[in-house]
Protein backbone atom coordinates (compact mmCIF):
# COMPACT_ATOMS: atom_id res chain seq x y z
CA MET A 1 -0.16 0.01 0.00
CA LYS A 2 1.14 3.59 -0.96
CA THR A 3 0.31 6.98 0.70
CA THR A 4 -0.81 9.88 -1.36
CA ILE A 5 -2.79 13.17 -0.67
CA ASN A 6 -5.42 15.01 -2.93
CA GLY A 7 -5.71 18.67 -3.57
CA PRO A 8 -3.94 21.58 -2.47
CA TYR A 9 -1.62 21.42 0.64
CA PRO A 10 -1.78 24.24 3.38
CA ARG A 11 0.09 27.17 1.81
CA ILE A 12 0.59 28.58 5.54
CA GLY A 13 2.79 27.85 8.53
CA SER A 14 6.33 29.00 7.22
CA GLU A 15 8.31 31.98 6.50
CA LEU A 16 8.40 31.17 2.86
CA THR A 17 4.35 30.88 2.45
CA GLN A 18 3.97 34.07 4.69
CA LYS A 19 6.40 35.69 1.93
CA LEU A 20 4.28 34.04 -1.00
CA ARG A 21 1.22 35.44 0.65
CA GLU A 22 2.46 38.85 0.90
CA GLU A 23 3.73 39.18 -2.73
CA THR A 24 0.49 37.71 -3.95
CA GLY A 25 -1.52 40.32 -2.24
CA ALA A 26 0.89 42.98 -3.09
CA GLU A 27 -0.60 45.75 -5.55
CA GLU A 28 2.57 45.44 -7.44
CA THR A 29 4.67 42.26 -7.57
CA HIS A 30 7.09 41.30 -10.50
CA PRO A 31 5.87 38.14 -12.27
CA THR A 32 9.51 36.81 -11.88
CA ILE A 33 9.62 37.25 -8.16
CA LEU A 34 6.12 35.57 -7.67
CA GLN A 35 7.54 32.72 -9.98
CA HIS A 36 10.49 32.08 -7.93
CA LEU A 37 8.67 32.42 -4.73
CA GLN A 38 5.92 29.55 -5.97
CA ASN A 39 8.70 27.51 -7.10
CA ASP A 40 10.46 27.75 -3.49
CA VAL A 41 7.28 26.92 -1.62
CA THR A 42 6.48 24.32 -4.21
CA LYS A 43 9.89 22.54 -3.20
CA GLU A 44 9.31 23.27 0.53
CA LEU A 45 5.75 21.53 0.44
CA VAL A 46 6.81 18.27 -1.71
CA ARG A 47 9.86 17.85 0.44
CA GLU A 48 7.74 18.13 3.64
CA LEU A 49 5.42 15.55 1.95
CA VAL A 50 8.27 13.15 0.86
CA THR A 51 10.04 13.34 4.13
CA ALA A 52 6.88 12.34 6.16
CA GLY A 53 6.49 9.43 4.14
CA ILE A 54 4.15 10.20 1.08
CA ASP A 55 5.05 7.83 -1.83
CA LEU A 56 2.85 9.70 -4.25
CA PRO A 57 2.80 13.37 -3.50
CA ASN A 58 1.38 15.93 -5.66
CA ASP A 59 3.21 19.59 -6.08
CA GLY A 60 1.04 21.36 -3.33
CA LEU A 61 -1.08 23.21 -6.14
CA VAL A 62 0.78 26.43 -5.09
CA TYR A 63 -0.04 28.05 -8.51
CA ALA A 64 -4.03 27.26 -8.41
CA ASN A 65 -6.24 30.17 -7.61
CA ASP A 66 -8.63 27.50 -6.51
CA GLU A 67 -8.52 23.81 -7.01
CA LEU A 68 -11.73 23.88 -9.44
CA SER A 69 -10.99 26.73 -12.00
CA TRP A 70 -7.40 26.96 -12.24
CA PRO A 71 -6.67 24.99 -15.19
CA LEU A 72 -9.03 27.37 -17.39
CA GLU A 73 -6.66 30.30 -16.62
CA ASN A 74 -6.00 31.84 -20.11
CA THR A 75 -8.27 29.73 -22.04
CA ASP A 76 -10.54 30.96 -24.84
CA GLY A 77 -14.24 30.80 -24.22
CA ILE A 78 -13.87 30.93 -20.36
CA THR A 79 -14.39 34.14 -18.22
CA PHE A 80 -14.82 34.13 -14.26
CA GLY A 81 -17.17 35.83 -11.99
CA GLY A 82 -17.16 36.08 -8.28
CA MET A 83 -16.30 33.26 -5.78
CA HIS A 84 -18.85 30.35 -5.03
CA LYS A 85 -18.97 27.69 -2.61
CA THR A 86 -18.23 24.36 -4.19
CA LEU A 87 -20.50 21.52 -3.02
CA HIS A 88 -21.11 20.83 0.79
CA THR A 89 -17.51 21.74 1.82
CA ASN A 90 -15.23 24.49 2.70
CA ILE A 91 -14.06 24.75 -0.63
CA ILE A 92 -14.61 27.94 -2.67
CA HIS A 93 -14.05 28.89 -6.42
CA ARG A 94 -14.18 31.27 -9.03
CA HIS A 95 -17.90 31.29 -10.89
CA ILE A 96 -16.84 29.65 -14.17
CA ILE A 97 -18.74 31.11 -17.42
CA CYS A 98 -18.57 29.63 -20.91
CA THR A 99 -18.81 32.44 -23.57
CA GLY A 100 -17.41 30.66 -26.46
CA GLU A 101 -15.62 27.41 -27.81
CA ILE A 102 -13.18 26.24 -25.30
CA LYS A 103 -9.67 26.20 -26.64
CA GLN A 104 -6.19 25.76 -25.20
CA LYS A 105 -4.69 29.22 -25.35
CA HIS A 106 -1.99 28.66 -22.75
CA PHE A 107 -2.40 26.02 -20.01
CA ILE A 108 -0.80 27.00 -16.63
CA ASN A 109 2.49 24.86 -16.43
CA PRO A 110 1.92 23.11 -12.95
CA LEU A 111 5.44 23.54 -11.04
CA HIS A 112 5.74 19.93 -10.72
CA THR A 113 8.70 19.31 -13.01
CA THR A 114 11.58 17.18 -11.39
CA ALA A 115 13.76 20.44 -11.97
CA VAL A 116 11.42 22.23 -9.57
CA THR A 117 10.30 19.49 -7.01
CA GLU A 118 13.39 17.23 -6.97
CA HIS A 119 10.83 14.27 -6.94
CA SER A 120 8.30 12.76 -8.87
CA VAL A 121 4.62 13.96 -8.52
CA LYS A 122 1.26 13.30 -9.77
CA LEU A 123 -0.51 15.97 -11.99
CA GLU A 124 -4.03 16.50 -10.12
CA LEU A 125 -6.62 18.17 -12.31
CA PRO A 126 -10.41 18.88 -11.36
CA GLY A 127 -12.59 16.12 -13.52
CA PRO A 128 -14.35 17.14 -16.75
CA TYR A 129 -17.77 16.04 -15.38
CA THR A 130 -17.15 18.36 -12.35
CA LEU A 131 -16.14 21.08 -14.31
CA ALA A 132 -19.20 20.86 -16.52
CA CYS A 133 -21.39 20.82 -13.37
CA HIS A 134 -19.92 24.12 -12.05
CA THR A 135 -19.92 26.02 -15.33
CA GLU A 136 -22.72 28.67 -16.37
CA ILE A 137 -23.25 28.18 -20.00
CA GLY A 138 -23.61 31.74 -21.63
CA LYS A 139 -25.76 32.72 -24.37
CA THR A 140 -22.86 32.98 -26.90
CA ALA A 141 -21.57 29.51 -26.09
CA PRO A 142 -21.58 26.91 -28.85
CA TYR A 143 -22.79 24.15 -25.91
CA LYS A 144 -26.25 23.49 -25.21
CA ASN A 145 -26.15 21.30 -22.09
CA ILE A 146 -23.87 19.87 -19.39
CA GLU A 147 -22.90 16.68 -21.70
CA GLU A 148 -21.62 19.02 -24.48
CA ILE A 149 -19.79 21.08 -22.39
CA ALA A 150 -18.28 18.09 -20.51
CA HIS A 151 -17.05 16.71 -23.64
CA ALA A 152 -15.58 20.20 -24.59
CA TYR A 153 -13.64 19.97 -21.62
CA ALA A 154 -12.50 16.56 -22.26
CA GLU A 155 -11.09 17.25 -25.50
CA PHE A 156 -9.43 20.25 -23.82
CA TYR A 157 -7.50 17.87 -21.38
CA ARG A 158 -6.74 15.72 -24.12
CA GLY A 159 -4.91 18.12 -25.92
CA VAL A 160 -3.14 19.16 -22.61
CA LEU A 161 -2.06 15.43 -21.89
CA LEU A 162 -0.99 14.88 -25.41
CA SER A 163 1.31 17.85 -25.35
CA ARG A 164 2.63 16.88 -21.88
CA LYS A 165 4.78 13.83 -22.15
CA LYS A 166 6.47 13.95 -18.53
CA GLU A 167 3.40 12.60 -16.61
CA ASP A 168 3.54 9.21 -14.76
CA PHE A 169 0.49 9.60 -12.81
CA VAL A 170 -2.66 11.75 -13.71
CA GLN A 171 -5.49 12.12 -11.25
CA PHE A 172 -8.90 13.58 -12.09
CA ASN A 173 -10.86 14.84 -9.03
CA GLU A 174 -14.72 14.33 -9.61
CA PRO A 175 -16.45 15.14 -6.36
CA SER A 176 -19.80 16.02 -8.66
CA ILE A 177 -20.25 12.09 -9.34
CA ILE A 178 -21.33 11.70 -5.58
CA ALA A 179 -21.72 15.01 -4.13
CA TYR A 180 -23.72 15.63 -1.22
CA LYS A 181 -27.19 17.51 -1.68
CA ARG A 182 -26.73 17.74 -5.35
CA GLU A 183 -28.08 16.39 -8.61
CA HIS A 184 -25.73 14.03 -10.41
CA PRO A 185 -27.10 14.60 -14.03
CA ASN A 186 -26.02 12.48 -17.14
CA LEU A 187 -23.78 10.19 -15.38
CA GLU A 188 -24.19 7.61 -18.13
CA MET A 189 -21.87 9.86 -20.21
CA LEU A 190 -18.88 9.13 -18.21
CA PRO A 191 -17.59 5.92 -19.83
CA GLU A 192 -17.49 7.60 -23.48
CA LEU A 193 -16.27 10.82 -21.74
CA TYR A 194 -13.07 9.34 -20.12
CA GLN A 195 -12.77 6.82 -23.15
CA ASN A 196 -12.23 9.88 -25.50
CA MET A 197 -10.12 11.96 -23.09
CA LEU A 198 -7.59 9.33 -22.19
CA HIS A 199 -7.26 8.23 -25.76
CA LYS A 200 -3.45 7.51 -26.36
CA THR A 201 -2.56 8.41 -22.90
CA LYS A 202 0.22 6.37 -21.48
CA ALA A 203 0.43 7.76 -17.82
CA GLN A 204 -1.40 5.76 -15.07
CA THR A 205 -4.74 7.29 -14.39
CA ALA A 206 -7.17 7.88 -11.63
CA ILE A 207 -10.42 9.08 -10.77
CA TRP A 208 -10.91 10.55 -7.19
CA THR A 209 -14.61 10.89 -5.75
CA SER A 210 -15.30 12.59 -2.58
CA SER A 211 -17.91 14.67 -0.56
CA GLY A 212 -21.07 12.60 -0.87
CA HIS A 213 -22.68 9.15 -0.75
CA TYR A 214 -22.50 6.10 -3.10
CA THR A 215 -24.95 3.85 -4.48
CA ARG A 216 -24.24 0.29 -5.93
CA GLN A 217 -24.99 1.87 -9.43
CA THR A 218 -22.50 4.50 -8.79
CA ILE A 219 -19.96 1.87 -7.74
CA ASP A 220 -20.39 -0.34 -10.68
CA LEU A 221 -20.29 2.79 -13.03
CA LEU A 222 -17.22 4.37 -11.49
CA PHE A 223 -15.25 0.82 -12.05
CA SER A 224 -16.17 0.57 -15.58
CA LEU A 225 -14.30 3.66 -16.60
CA PRO A 226 -11.10 3.18 -18.21
CA VAL A 227 -8.85 4.41 -15.65
CA ASP A 228 -6.21 2.54 -13.28
CA THR A 229 -7.60 3.70 -9.87
CA ILE A 230 -10.71 4.65 -8.15
CA GLY A 231 -10.53 6.96 -5.17
CA ILE A 232 -13.37 6.51 -2.70
CA ASP A 233 -14.22 8.79 0.16
CA PHE A 234 -14.72 6.69 3.32
CA VAL A 235 -15.07 9.71 5.54
CA TRP A 236 -18.44 10.93 3.93
CA ASP A 237 -19.72 7.58 3.29
CA GLN A 238 -18.74 4.93 6.02
CA ASN A 239 -21.07 2.17 4.50
CA VAL A 240 -19.25 2.11 1.12
CA GLU A 241 -17.06 -0.62 2.52
CA THR A 242 -20.04 -3.09 2.13
CA LEU A 243 -20.76 -1.83 -1.62
CA LEU A 244 -16.94 -2.09 -2.42
CA LYS A 245 -16.97 -5.86 -1.35
CA LYS A 246 -19.88 -6.96 -3.54
CA ILE A 247 -18.15 -6.10 -6.67
CA SER A 248 -15.32 -7.77 -8.56
CA THR A 249 -12.75 -5.78 -10.09
CA ASP A 250 -8.75 -5.67 -11.01
CA LYS A 251 -8.64 -1.82 -10.70
CA ASN A 252 -6.65 -0.36 -7.67
CA ILE A 253 -8.48 1.11 -5.08
CA GLY A 254 -7.81 4.69 -3.49
CA PHE A 255 -9.15 4.65 0.13
CA GLY A 256 -9.96 8.13 1.07
CA ILE A 257 -10.07 7.15 4.72
CA VAL A 258 -8.03 9.73 6.97
CA ASP A 259 -10.41 12.71 7.68
CA SER A 260 -9.45 15.90 5.60
CA GLY A 261 -11.96 18.22 7.44
CA ASP A 262 -13.93 18.81 4.49
CA THR A 263 -17.19 17.96 6.40
CA GLY A 264 -16.91 21.34 8.35
CA TRP A 265 -15.17 19.70 11.18
CA CYS A 266 -12.39 17.31 11.52
CA GLY A 267 -12.69 14.22 13.38
CA GLN A 268 -10.13 12.26 15.23
CA ASP A 269 -8.79 9.38 13.34
CA ASP A 270 -8.52 5.86 14.90
CA LYS A 271 -5.37 4.22 13.45
CA ASN A 272 -6.34 0.89 14.42
CA SER A 273 -9.60 1.15 13.43
CA ILE A 274 -8.60 2.26 9.82
CA VAL A 275 -5.74 -0.43 9.44
CA LYS A 276 -8.39 -3.24 10.50
CA THR A 277 -10.81 -1.87 7.48
CA LEU A 278 -7.91 -1.67 5.09
CA ARG A 279 -6.61 -5.15 5.71
CA SER A 280 -10.46 -6.55 5.60
CA PHE A 281 -10.17 -5.68 1.70
CA ALA A 282 -6.95 -8.18 1.31
CA GLY A 283 -9.41 -10.65 -0.64
CA TYR A 284 -11.01 -7.93 -2.64
CA THR A 285 -8.27 -5.93 -4.00
CA TYR A 286 -4.38 -5.92 -4.39
CA LEU A 287 -3.33 -3.95 -1.40
CA SER A 288 0.10 -3.68 -2.25
CA LYS A 289 -1.18 -1.22 -5.50
CA ALA A 290 -3.78 0.53 -3.32
CA LEU A 291 -3.34 3.92 -2.31
CA VAL A 292 -4.46 5.28 1.01
CA ALA A 293 -5.16 9.20 1.55
CA PRO A 294 -7.11 11.72 3.19
CA ASN A 295 -10.64 11.65 1.47
CA ALA A 296 -10.39 15.40 0.18
CA THR A 297 -7.93 18.21 0.47
CA LEU A 298 -5.99 19.22 3.41
CA GLU A 299 -5.72 22.89 2.62
CA HIS A 300 -8.27 24.17 5.24
CA LEU A 301 -6.25 22.64 8.12
CA PRO A 302 -3.47 24.47 9.93
CA ARG A 303 0.06 23.32 8.58
CA ASN A 304 0.98 21.40 11.65
CA TYR A 305 -2.32 19.42 11.84
CA ALA A 306 -1.89 18.67 8.22
CA GLN A 307 1.51 17.41 9.09
CA GLN A 308 -0.07 15.01 11.84
CA LYS A 309 -2.37 13.54 8.95
CA ILE A 310 0.12 12.78 6.67
CA LYS A 311 2.49 11.19 9.22
CA LEU A 312 -0.60 9.33 10.06
CA LEU A 313 -0.80 7.98 6.62
CA ARG A 314 2.77 6.63 6.74
CA GLN A 315 2.02 4.75 9.84
CA ILE A 316 -1.14 3.10 8.31
CA ALA A 317 0.24 2.11 5.21
CA ASP A 318 3.44 0.44 7.27
CA GLU A 319 0.98 -1.34 9.31
CA VAL A 320 -1.09 -2.66 6.58
CA ASN A 321 2.07 -3.66 4.59
CA LYS A 322 3.51 -5.74 7.50
């Protein structure tokens, strides 16, 4: 079993992150200075994750304005409005408005090249379905419904992935598939959506779901998708264990089982109970290929609390791997 995290890591709690916050909020900051600071903070965060025992870190998403809209910066056909709360969580994002055909003009270059991070990290992106669910389709847009704009996002990502050949692992975060107190329209489009998007992609791929509850139909659909790993939220839905043990699959499971605090409060994690739950899957999946992670982003926790969470992940994985 390997460890990973999801979403932005806390960008507070050190001299470097404080300096970055000050420069980001300044009226006049030279882009080169900001870039160097982002690079330095990225190195600091990734080094912290790796030192604590995270096998598959992301790059901390230092460059992300918010974890939903950031890939659409400098993209034709997209404008942004004010900040909105995402789902039934603490996460906020810019209001995304589609005004024309979505085209890749200039994709933000994540700061996760080896030259910056000094370690191999995963590329983490908001999934095309979730982006579509949170996009207002303007009157001038050529898309008429959620399915059309989801496929437009998938085609946008396909171009991004084919132009970038350095990724070993790409993860798409799709909370809208199970989002609490939300409708989940047109889920039947997902197989074709991901099949088209990932055509000719050589990297390992994952879909991570969070912030809601599962049905047997949702589980069956997720495990039919053309990706290597399916991330499941055990914090929001403690009954999902039963559903997972009713299916037969050769896909890897991502166990989002350490509480990230995205429900509005952060519970105490019972390491022994978590280890027991994970070990119970020994006859259902290959635990040696599985991932253990927080159920969602740790961004809203104090840095020292997030550090405790990632150390706990290492302890859990070591116990399961014995």
